[in-house]
Structures are given as structure tokens and as C-alpha cells.
Amino acid sequence: MKTTVGTVIKEVSDRTGVKETIAKDVVDSFLEVIVTNLENNKKVGLVGFGVFEPKTRKAHKRENHMGTGKSIFVHKKVRVIFSPASAVLNRLNDEKGN
């Protein structure tokens, strides 16, 4: 099961005691700051949590995988790579008994 933004908002509200509308504004703003920085090709490092980093794959030609033998053009793509902090990895591995 996945956690949704709505679930995160509810949990932030419960943990902090603020109204859900305020928690929603905070969570939405937080996510917007991350996305805006990634759009501007900036890494976003959250100490103790991890680093989000935009990686661009250049446009290129490749052979059509359908076996036609024709070349196709693949447009530039930006992916986001997340590297968790060691504290997060340690916590995940400790809680799962690895």
C-alpha cells in the first residue's frame, strides 16, 4: 500500500496539532520548493533524509525496438534520482531486522 499526499497531510496535522488546512499548505509548499529547485537543475539535499538530484538524458537516435530497422529520435528526458541518507537506510534496515 502506498502513502498519499492526503495521508501525509493528515499525519502532519495529527502530529503537530495544526488544522489540516494549514498542514496542507505546508506540505504543498514544501513539495513545490523541491520541484521548483529540480526544475532549475538544482540538487535538493535534506540533511538526515537524502538528496533529490535531476539527471538529464540527452536526446539521441536509436534503432526502433519493434524490429523495423528504422532509427527513431528519442527526446531529452529529465529523471529525478533520490539518494537516501545513511540515517534513513540504517533505520530501514534496523526496523526490518536485516
Protein backbone atom coordinates (compact mmCIF):
# COMPACT_ATOMS: atom_id res chain seq x y z
CA MET A 1 0.00 0.00 0.00
CA LYS A 2 1.28 3.46 -0.83
CA THR A 3 1.09 6.62 1.21
CA THR A 4 -0.70 9.51 -0.50
CA VAL A 5 -0.21 13.24 -0.05
CA GLY A 6 -3.56 13.30 1.74
CA THR A 7 -2.30 10.72 4.22
CA VAL A 8 0.86 12.75 4.82
CA ILE A 9 -1.20 15.91 5.39
CA LYS A 10 -3.42 14.12 7.92
CA GLU A 11 -0.42 12.69 9.76
CA VAL A 12 1.37 16.07 9.85
CA SER A 13 -1.82 17.61 11.23
CA ASP A 14 -2.16 14.89 13.88
CA ARG A 15 1.49 15.06 14.95
CA THR A 16 1.71 18.85 15.14
CA GLY A 17 -1.79 19.68 16.32
CA VAL A 18 -2.39 22.16 13.49
CA LYS A 19 -5.52 22.17 11.35
CA GLU A 20 -5.42 20.03 8.22
CA THR A 21 -5.76 23.14 6.02
CA ILE A 22 -2.54 24.55 7.49
CA ALA A 23 -0.78 21.20 7.22
CA LYS A 24 -1.90 21.02 3.56
CA ASP A 25 -0.43 24.46 2.86
CA VAL A 26 2.87 23.45 4.49
CA VAL A 27 3.14 20.10 2.70
CA ASP A 28 2.14 21.60 -0.67
CA SER A 29 4.66 24.44 -0.24
CA PHE A 30 7.40 22.01 0.78
CA LEU A 31 6.82 19.84 -2.29
CA GLU A 32 6.64 22.91 -4.55
CA VAL A 33 10.04 24.13 -3.27
CA ILE A 34 11.56 20.74 -4.09
CA VAL A 35 10.05 20.60 -7.60
CA THR A 36 10.98 24.22 -8.39
CA ASN A 37 14.60 23.58 -7.46
CA LEU A 38 14.67 20.40 -9.55
CA GLU A 39 13.19 22.35 -12.49
CA ASN A 40 16.09 24.79 -12.10
CA ASN A 41 18.51 21.85 -12.28
CA LYS A 42 19.46 22.12 -8.61
CA LYS A 43 20.04 19.28 -6.17
CA VAL A 44 17.84 19.31 -3.10
CA GLY A 45 19.60 17.99 -0.02
CA LEU A 46 17.66 17.32 3.15
CA VAL A 47 20.12 16.55 5.94
CA GLY A 48 19.31 13.24 7.57
CA PHE A 49 16.84 12.32 4.81
CA GLY A 50 18.57 12.32 1.43
CA VAL A 51 19.27 14.11 -1.82
CA PHE A 52 17.00 14.60 -4.84
CA GLU A 53 19.02 15.22 -8.00
CA PRO A 54 17.83 15.96 -11.54
CA LYS A 55 19.63 13.90 -14.20
CA THR A 56 19.23 14.74 -17.87
CA ARG A 57 19.46 12.09 -20.55
CA LYS A 58 20.45 13.69 -23.83
CA ALA A 59 18.34 13.43 -26.97
CA HIS A 60 19.60 10.65 -29.22
CA LYS A 61 18.77 8.35 -32.10
CA ARG A 62 18.28 4.66 -31.59
CA GLU A 63 17.05 1.70 -33.55
CA ASN A 64 13.33 1.08 -33.36
CA HIS A 65 12.89 -1.79 -30.89
CA MET A 66 9.97 -3.14 -32.96
CA GLY A 67 12.45 -4.65 -35.41
CA THR A 68 11.75 -2.33 -38.34
CA GLY A 69 15.41 -1.35 -38.59
CA LYS A 70 14.48 2.33 -38.78
CA SER A 71 16.07 4.85 -36.47
CA ILE A 72 13.85 6.79 -34.12
CA PHE A 73 14.59 10.04 -32.30
CA VAL A 74 14.36 9.92 -28.51
CA HIS A 75 13.80 13.33 -26.92
CA LYS A 76 15.78 14.65 -23.96
CA LYS A 77 14.40 13.44 -20.63
CA VAL A 78 14.92 14.57 -17.09
CA ARG A 79 14.72 12.00 -14.31
CA VAL A 80 14.97 12.53 -10.59
CA ILE A 81 17.37 10.37 -8.65
CA PHE A 82 16.90 10.01 -4.89
CA SER A 83 19.84 9.00 -2.72
CA PRO A 84 18.73 8.31 0.84
CA ALA A 85 20.90 9.43 3.74
CA SER A 86 22.69 6.74 5.69
CA ALA A 87 20.48 7.51 8.71
CA VAL A 88 17.40 6.59 6.65
CA LEU A 89 19.00 3.41 5.32
CA ASN A 90 20.13 2.41 8.79
CA ARG A 91 16.65 2.98 10.21
CA LEU A 92 15.00 0.97 7.43
CA ASN A 93 17.43 -1.90 7.81
CA ASP A 94 17.29 -1.91 11.62
CA GLU A 95 13.47 -1.93 11.73
CA LYS A 96 13.26 -4.77 9.24
CA GLY A 97 15.80 -6.85 11.14
CA ASN A 98 18.33 -7.04 8.28
